[in-house]
Amino acid sequence: AQYQYEGRPGDGLFPVLRQGEAGALYDSVETC
């Protein structure tokens, strides 16, 4: 299965959700 977003930045279906205090990298990995 291959997902692709082709719209405006910030409007996709999978925003990186804020998970805690660990920072953007952790939030990105955890959302994935």
ModelCIF file with pLDDT and N, C-alpha, C, O atoms, coordinates in Angstrom:
data_MODEL
#
_entry.id   MODEL 
#
_entity.id                         1 
_entity.type                       polymer 
_entity.pdbx_number_of_molecules   1 
#
_entity_poly.entity_id                      1 
_entity_poly.type                           'polypeptide(L)' 
_entity_poly.nstd_linkage                   no 
_entity_poly.nstd_monomer                   no 
_entity_poly.pdbx_seq_one_letter_code       AQYQYEGRPGDGLFPVLRQGEAGALYDSVETC 
_entity_poly.pdbx_seq_one_letter_code_can   AQYQYEGRPGDGLFPVLRQGEAGALYDSVETC 
_entity_poly.pdbx_strand_id                 A 
#
loop_
_entity_poly_seq.entity_id 
_entity_poly_seq.num 
_entity_poly_seq.mon_id 
_entity_poly_seq.hetero 
1 1  ALA n 
1 2  GLN n 
1 3  TYR n 
1 4  GLN n 
1 5  TYR n 
1 6  GLU n 
1 7  GLY n 
1 8  ARG n 
1 9  PRO n 
1 10 GLY n 
1 11 ASP n 
1 12 GLY n 
1 13 LEU n 
1 14 PHE n 
1 15 PRO n 
1 16 VAL n 
1 17 LEU n 
1 18 ARG n 
1 19 GLN n 
1 20 GLY n 
1 21 GLU n 
1 22 ALA n 
1 23 GLY n 
1 24 ALA n 
1 25 LEU n 
1 26 TYR n 
1 27 ASP n 
1 28 SER n 
1 29 VAL n 
1 30 GLU n 
1 31 THR n 
1 32 CYS n 
#
_struct_asym.id          A 
_struct_asym.entity_id   1 
#
loop_
_ma_qa_metric.id 
_ma_qa_metric.mode 
_ma_qa_metric.name 
_ma_qa_metric.software_group_id 
_ma_qa_metric.type 
1 global pLDDT . pLDDT 
2 local  pLDDT . pLDDT 
#
_ma_qa_metric_global.metric_id      1 
_ma_qa_metric_global.metric_value   88.91 
_ma_qa_metric_global.model_id       1 
_ma_qa_metric_global.ordinal_id     1 
#
loop_
_ma_qa_metric_local.label_asym_id 
_ma_qa_metric_local.label_comp_id 
_ma_qa_metric_local.label_seq_id 
_ma_qa_metric_local.metric_id 
_ma_qa_metric_local.metric_value 
_ma_qa_metric_local.model_id 
_ma_qa_metric_local.ordinal_id 
A ALA 1  2 97.00 1 1  
A GLN 2  2 97.00 1 2  
A TYR 3  2 98.00 1 3  
A GLN 4  2 96.00 1 4  
A TYR 5  2 95.00 1 5  
A GLU 6  2 92.00 1 6  
A GLY 7  2 88.00 1 7  
A ARG 8  2 87.00 1 8  
A PRO 9  2 87.00 1 9  
A GLY 10 2 83.00 1 10 
A ASP 11 2 88.00 1 11 
A GLY 12 2 88.00 1 12 
A LEU 13 2 92.00 1 13 
A PHE 14 2 95.00 1 14 
A PRO 15 2 94.00 1 15 
A VAL 16 2 93.00 1 16 
A LEU 17 2 84.00 1 17 
A ARG 18 2 82.00 1 18 
A GLN 19 2 74.00 1 19 
A GLY 20 2 67.00 1 20 
A GLU 21 2 68.00 1 21 
A ALA 22 2 67.00 1 22 
A GLY 23 2 85.00 1 23 
A ALA 24 2 90.00 1 24 
A LEU 25 2 93.00 1 25 
A TYR 26 2 93.00 1 26 
A ASP 27 2 93.00 1 27 
A SER 28 2 95.00 1 28 
A VAL 29 2 96.00 1 29 
A GLU 30 2 95.00 1 30 
A THR 31 2 96.00 1 31 
A CYS 32 2 97.00 1 32 
#
loop_
_atom_site.group_PDB 
_atom_site.id 
_atom_site.type_symbol 
_atom_site.label_atom_id 
_atom_site.label_alt_id 
_atom_site.label_comp_id 
_atom_site.label_asym_id 
_atom_site.label_entity_id 
_atom_site.label_seq_id 
_atom_site.pdbx_PDB_ins_code 
_atom_site.Cartn_x 
_atom_site.Cartn_y 
_atom_site.Cartn_z 
_atom_site.occupancy 
_atom_site.B_iso_or_equiv 
_atom_site.pdbx_formal_charge 
_atom_site.auth_seq_id 
_atom_site.auth_comp_id 
_atom_site.auth_asym_id 
_atom_site.auth_atom_id 
_atom_site.pdbx_PDB_model_num 
ATOM 1   N N  . ALA A 1 1  ? 0.853  -1.190 0.000  1.00 97.00 ? 1  ALA A N  1 
ATOM 2   C CA . ALA A 1 1  ? 0.000  0.000  0.000  1.00 97.00 ? 1  ALA A CA 1 
ATOM 3   C C  . ALA A 1 1  ? 0.887  1.238  0.000  1.00 97.00 ? 1  ALA A C  1 
ATOM 4   O O  . ALA A 1 1  ? 1.823  1.339  0.794  1.00 97.00 ? 1  ALA A O  1 
ATOM 5   N N  . GLN A 1 2  ? 0.591  2.184  -0.895 1.00 97.00 ? 2  GLN A N  1 
ATOM 6   C CA . GLN A 1 2  ? 1.378  3.407  -1.003 1.00 97.00 ? 2  GLN A CA 1 
ATOM 7   C C  . GLN A 1 2  ? 0.461  4.616  -0.856 1.00 97.00 ? 2  GLN A C  1 
ATOM 8   O O  . GLN A 1 2  ? -0.505 4.785  -1.600 1.00 97.00 ? 2  GLN A O  1 
ATOM 9   N N  . TYR A 1 3  ? 0.795  5.457  0.131  1.00 98.00 ? 3  TYR A N  1 
ATOM 10  C CA . TYR A 1 3  ? 0.035  6.680  0.372  1.00 98.00 ? 3  TYR A CA 1 
ATOM 11  C C  . TYR A 1 3  ? 0.803  7.870  -0.167 1.00 98.00 ? 3  TYR A C  1 
ATOM 12  O O  . TYR A 1 3  ? 2.028  7.925  -0.068 1.00 98.00 ? 3  TYR A O  1 
ATOM 13  N N  . GLN A 1 4  ? 0.070  8.836  -0.746 1.00 96.00 ? 4  GLN A N  1 
ATOM 14  C CA . GLN A 1 4  ? 0.689  10.048 -1.282 1.00 96.00 ? 4  GLN A CA 1 
ATOM 15  C C  . GLN A 1 4  ? -0.232 11.232 -0.992 1.00 96.00 ? 4  GLN A C  1 
ATOM 16  O O  . GLN A 1 4  ? -1.441 11.164 -1.218 1.00 96.00 ? 4  GLN A O  1 
ATOM 17  N N  . TYR A 1 5  ? 0.366  12.331 -0.482 1.00 95.00 ? 5  TYR A N  1 
ATOM 18  C CA . TYR A 1 5  ? -0.378 13.576 -0.316 1.00 95.00 ? 5  TYR A CA 1 
ATOM 19  C C  . TYR A 1 5  ? 0.145  14.587 -1.314 1.00 95.00 ? 5  TYR A C  1 
ATOM 20  O O  . TYR A 1 5  ? 1.353  14.809 -1.397 1.00 95.00 ? 5  TYR A O  1 
ATOM 21  N N  . GLU A 1 6  ? -0.753 15.206 -2.079 1.00 92.00 ? 6  GLU A N  1 
ATOM 22  C CA . GLU A 1 6  ? -0.355 16.102 -3.158 1.00 92.00 ? 6  GLU A CA 1 
ATOM 23  C C  . GLU A 1 6  ? -0.986 17.486 -3.031 1.00 92.00 ? 6  GLU A C  1 
ATOM 24  O O  . GLU A 1 6  ? -1.083 18.214 -4.018 1.00 92.00 ? 6  GLU A O  1 
ATOM 25  N N  . GLY A 1 7  ? -1.411 17.850 -1.835 1.00 88.00 ? 7  GLY A N  1 
ATOM 26  C CA . GLY A 1 7  ? -2.075 19.136 -1.634 1.00 88.00 ? 7  GLY A CA 1 
ATOM 27  C C  . GLY A 1 7  ? -1.180 20.175 -0.992 1.00 88.00 ? 7  GLY A C  1 
ATOM 28  O O  . GLY A 1 7  ? 0.045  20.055 -1.005 1.00 88.00 ? 7  GLY A O  1 
ATOM 29  N N  . ARG A 1 8  ? -1.809 21.197 -0.430 1.00 87.00 ? 8  ARG A N  1 
ATOM 30  C CA . ARG A 1 8  ? -1.072 22.281 0.212  1.00 87.00 ? 8  ARG A CA 1 
ATOM 31  C C  . ARG A 1 8  ? -0.419 21.788 1.494  1.00 87.00 ? 8  ARG A C  1 
ATOM 32  O O  . ARG A 1 8  ? -1.002 20.970 2.205  1.00 87.00 ? 8  ARG A O  1 
ATOM 33  N N  . PRO A 1 9  ? 0.779  22.270 1.802  1.00 87.00 ? 9  PRO A N  1 
ATOM 34  C CA . PRO A 1 9  ? 1.435  21.879 3.061  1.00 87.00 ? 9  PRO A CA 1 
ATOM 35  C C  . PRO A 1 9  ? 0.544  22.193 4.263  1.00 87.00 ? 9  PRO A C  1 
ATOM 36  O O  . PRO A 1 9  ? -0.036 23.273 4.374  1.00 87.00 ? 9  PRO A O  1 
ATOM 37  N N  . GLY A 1 10 ? 0.459  21.212 5.150  1.00 83.00 ? 10 GLY A N  1 
ATOM 38  C CA . GLY A 1 10 ? -0.313 21.399 6.376  1.00 83.00 ? 10 GLY A CA 1 
ATOM 39  C C  . GLY A 1 10 ? -1.743 20.945 6.317  1.00 83.00 ? 10 GLY A C  1 
ATOM 40  O O  . GLY A 1 10 ? -2.425 20.954 7.342  1.00 83.00 ? 10 GLY A O  1 
ATOM 41  N N  . ASP A 1 11 ? -2.234 20.545 5.147  1.00 88.00 ? 11 ASP A N  1 
ATOM 42  C CA . ASP A 1 11 ? -3.637 20.155 5.022  1.00 88.00 ? 11 ASP A CA 1 
ATOM 43  C C  . ASP A 1 11 ? -3.833 18.654 4.808  1.00 88.00 ? 11 ASP A C  1 
ATOM 44  O O  . ASP A 1 11 ? -4.942 18.215 4.505  1.00 88.00 ? 11 ASP A O  1 
ATOM 45  N N  . GLY A 1 12 ? -2.779 17.870 4.958  1.00 88.00 ? 12 GLY A N  1 
ATOM 46  C CA . GLY A 1 12 ? -2.876 16.439 4.713  1.00 88.00 ? 12 GLY A CA 1 
ATOM 47  C C  . GLY A 1 12 ? -3.626 15.699 5.809  1.00 88.00 ? 12 GLY A C  1 
ATOM 48  O O  . GLY A 1 12 ? -3.978 16.276 6.838  1.00 88.00 ? 12 GLY A O  1 
ATOM 49  N N  . LEU A 1 13 ? -3.864 14.430 5.577  1.00 92.00 ? 13 LEU A N  1 
ATOM 50  C CA . LEU A 1 13 ? -4.643 13.606 6.501  1.00 92.00 ? 13 LEU A CA 1 
ATOM 51  C C  . LEU A 1 13 ? -3.847 13.165 7.722  1.00 92.00 ? 13 LEU A C  1 
ATOM 52  O O  . LEU A 1 13 ? -4.430 12.737 8.718  1.00 92.00 ? 13 LEU A O  1 
ATOM 53  N N  . PHE A 1 14 ? -2.503 13.265 7.655  1.00 95.00 ? 14 PHE A N  1 
ATOM 54  C CA . PHE A 1 14 ? -1.672 12.727 8.728  1.00 95.00 ? 14 PHE A CA 1 
ATOM 55  C C  . PHE A 1 14 ? -0.726 13.786 9.298  1.00 95.00 ? 14 PHE A C  1 
ATOM 56  O O  . PHE A 1 14 ? 0.482  13.717 9.069  1.00 95.00 ? 14 PHE A O  1 
ATOM 57  N N  . PRO A 1 15 ? -1.257 14.763 10.037 1.00 94.00 ? 15 PRO A N  1 
ATOM 58  C CA . PRO A 1 15 ? -0.369 15.721 10.696 1.00 94.00 ? 15 PRO A CA 1 
ATOM 59  C C  . PRO A 1 15 ? 0.394  15.045 11.829 1.00 94.00 ? 15 PRO A C  1 
ATOM 60  O O  . PRO A 1 15 ? -0.099 14.101 12.447 1.00 94.00 ? 15 PRO A O  1 
ATOM 61  N N  . VAL A 1 16 ? 1.592  15.535 12.091 1.00 93.00 ? 16 VAL A N  1 
ATOM 62  C CA . VAL A 1 16 ? 2.368  15.016 13.213 1.00 93.00 ? 16 VAL A CA 1 
ATOM 63  C C  . VAL A 1 16 ? 1.745  15.522 14.502 1.00 93.00 ? 16 VAL A C  1 
ATOM 64  O O  . VAL A 1 16 ? 1.676  16.730 14.729 1.00 93.00 ? 16 VAL A O  1 
ATOM 65  N N  . LEU A 1 17 ? 1.296  14.617 15.338 1.00 84.00 ? 17 LEU A N  1 
ATOM 66  C CA . LEU A 1 17 ? 0.600  14.975 16.565 1.00 84.00 ? 17 LEU A CA 1 
ATOM 67  C C  . LEU A 1 17 ? 1.595  15.174 17.697 1.00 84.00 ? 17 LEU A C  1 
ATOM 68  O O  . LEU A 1 17 ? 2.569  14.432 17.822 1.00 84.00 ? 17 LEU A O  1 
ATOM 69  N N  . ARG A 1 18 ? 1.338  16.183 18.517 1.00 82.00 ? 18 ARG A N  1 
ATOM 70  C CA . ARG A 1 18 ? 2.189  16.436 19.674 1.00 82.00 ? 18 ARG A CA 1 
ATOM 71  C C  . ARG A 1 18 ? 1.957  15.346 20.704 1.00 82.00 ? 18 ARG A C  1 
ATOM 72  O O  . ARG A 1 18 ? 0.844  15.178 21.201 1.00 82.00 ? 18 ARG A O  1 
ATOM 73  N N  . GLN A 1 19 ? 3.036  14.588 21.029 1.00 74.00 ? 19 GLN A N  1 
ATOM 74  C CA . GLN A 1 19 ? 2.899  13.436 21.912 1.00 74.00 ? 19 GLN A CA 1 
ATOM 75  C C  . GLN A 1 19 ? 3.426  13.686 23.316 1.00 74.00 ? 19 GLN A C  1 
ATOM 76  O O  . GLN A 1 19 ? 2.994  13.018 24.255 1.00 74.00 ? 19 GLN A O  1 
ATOM 77  N N  . GLY A 1 20 ? 4.341  14.620 23.485 1.00 67.00 ? 20 GLY A N  1 
ATOM 78  C CA . GLY A 1 20 ? 4.924  14.827 24.810 1.00 67.00 ? 20 GLY A CA 1 
ATOM 79  C C  . GLY A 1 20 ? 5.959  15.925 24.770 1.00 67.00 ? 20 GLY A C  1 
ATOM 80  O O  . GLY A 1 20 ? 5.841  16.872 23.992 1.00 67.00 ? 20 GLY A O  1 
ATOM 81  N N  . GLU A 1 21 ? 6.979  15.801 25.613 1.00 68.00 ? 21 GLU A N  1 
ATOM 82  C CA . GLU A 1 21 ? 8.003  16.826 25.743 1.00 68.00 ? 21 GLU A CA 1 
ATOM 83  C C  . GLU A 1 21 ? 9.274  16.477 24.976 1.00 68.00 ? 21 GLU A C  1 
ATOM 84  O O  . GLU A 1 21 ? 10.236 17.244 25.010 1.00 68.00 ? 21 GLU A O  1 
ATOM 85  N N  . ALA A 1 22 ? 9.299  15.357 24.298 1.00 67.00 ? 22 ALA A N  1 
ATOM 86  C CA . ALA A 1 22 ? 10.544 14.864 23.725 1.00 67.00 ? 22 ALA A CA 1 
ATOM 87  C C  . ALA A 1 22 ? 10.941 15.574 22.438 1.00 67.00 ? 22 ALA A C  1 
ATOM 88  O O  . ALA A 1 22 ? 12.080 15.424 21.995 1.00 67.00 ? 22 ALA A O  1 
ATOM 89  N N  . GLY A 1 23 ? 10.047 16.340 21.822 1.00 85.00 ? 23 GLY A N  1 
ATOM 90  C CA . GLY A 1 23 ? 10.431 17.109 20.652 1.00 85.00 ? 23 GLY A CA 1 
ATOM 91  C C  . GLY A 1 23 ? 9.856  16.581 19.356 1.00 85.00 ? 23 GLY A C  1 
ATOM 92  O O  . GLY A 1 23 ? 9.158  15.568 19.322 1.00 85.00 ? 23 GLY A O  1 
ATOM 93  N N  . ALA A 1 24 ? 10.179 17.319 18.260 1.00 90.00 ? 24 ALA A N  1 
ATOM 94  C CA . ALA A 1 24 ? 9.575  17.047 16.956 1.00 90.00 ? 24 ALA A CA 1 
ATOM 95  C C  . ALA A 1 24 ? 9.952  15.677 16.409 1.00 90.00 ? 24 ALA A C  1 
ATOM 96  O O  . ALA A 1 24 ? 9.126  15.023 15.772 1.00 90.00 ? 24 ALA A O  1 
ATOM 97  N N  . LEU A 1 25 ? 11.174 15.233 16.642 1.00 93.00 ? 25 LEU A N  1 
ATOM 98  C CA . LEU A 1 25 ? 11.584 13.930 16.115 1.00 93.00 ? 25 LEU A CA 1 
ATOM 99  C C  . LEU A 1 25 ? 10.768 12.816 16.756 1.00 93.00 ? 25 LEU A C  1 
ATOM 100 O O  . LEU A 1 25 ? 10.253 11.943 16.058 1.00 93.00 ? 25 LEU A O  1 
ATOM 101 N N  . TYR A 1 26 ? 10.650 12.841 18.066 1.00 93.00 ? 26 TYR A N  1 
ATOM 102 C CA . TYR A 1 26 ? 9.842  11.824 18.735 1.00 93.00 ? 26 TYR A CA 1 
ATOM 103 C C  . TYR A 1 26 ? 8.395  11.884 18.266 1.00 93.00 ? 26 TYR A C  1 
ATOM 104 O O  . TYR A 1 26 ? 7.789  10.848 17.989 1.00 93.00 ? 26 TYR A O  1 
ATOM 105 N N  . ASP A 1 27 ? 7.830  13.102 18.174 1.00 93.00 ? 27 ASP A N  1 
ATOM 106 C CA . ASP A 1 27 ? 6.446  13.234 17.711 1.00 93.00 ? 27 ASP A CA 1 
ATOM 107 C C  . ASP A 1 27 ? 6.266  12.626 16.323 1.00 93.00 ? 27 ASP A C  1 
ATOM 108 O O  . ASP A 1 27 ? 5.254  11.979 16.051 1.00 93.00 ? 27 ASP A O  1 
ATOM 109 N N  . SER A 1 28 ? 7.245  12.834 15.449 1.00 95.00 ? 28 SER A N  1 
ATOM 110 C CA . SER A 1 28 ? 7.148  12.302 14.087 1.00 95.00 ? 28 SER A CA 1 
ATOM 111 C C  . SER A 1 28 ? 7.222  10.784 14.077 1.00 95.00 ? 28 SER A C  1 
ATOM 112 O O  . SER A 1 28 ? 6.424  10.125 13.410 1.00 95.00 ? 28 SER A O  1 
ATOM 113 N N  . VAL A 1 29 ? 8.176  10.225 14.812 1.00 96.00 ? 29 VAL A N  1 
ATOM 114 C CA . VAL A 1 29 ? 8.319  8.766  14.858 1.00 96.00 ? 29 VAL A CA 1 
ATOM 115 C C  . VAL A 1 29 ? 7.078  8.131  15.469 1.00 96.00 ? 29 VAL A C  1 
ATOM 116 O O  . VAL A 1 29 ? 6.580  7.123  14.968 1.00 96.00 ? 29 VAL A O  1 
ATOM 117 N N  . GLU A 1 30 ? 6.580  8.719  16.548 1.00 95.00 ? 30 GLU A N  1 
ATOM 118 C CA . GLU A 1 30 ? 5.426  8.132  17.220 1.00 95.00 ? 30 GLU A CA 1 
ATOM 119 C C  . GLU A 1 30 ? 4.166  8.225  16.359 1.00 95.00 ? 30 GLU A C  1 
ATOM 120 O O  . GLU A 1 30 ? 3.364  7.291  16.341 1.00 95.00 ? 30 GLU A O  1 
ATOM 121 N N  . THR A 1 31 ? 3.982  9.337  15.648 1.00 96.00 ? 31 THR A N  1 
ATOM 122 C CA . THR A 1 31 ? 2.842  9.438  14.742 1.00 96.00 ? 31 THR A CA 1 
ATOM 123 C C  . THR A 1 31 ? 2.932  8.392  13.638 1.00 96.00 ? 31 THR A C  1 
ATOM 124 O O  . THR A 1 31 ? 1.928  7.774  13.283 1.00 96.00 ? 31 THR A O  1 
ATOM 125 N N  . CYS A 1 32 ? 4.129  8.191  13.094 1.00 97.00 ? 32 CYS A N  1 
ATOM 126 C CA . CYS A 1 32 ? 4.317  7.156  12.063 1.00 97.00 ? 32 CYS A CA 1 
ATOM 127 C C  . CYS A 1 32 ? 4.057  5.769  12.634 1.00 97.00 ? 32 CYS A C  1 
ATOM 128 O O  . CYS A 1 32 ? 4.165  4.776  11.916 1.00 97.00 ? 32 CYS A O  1 
#
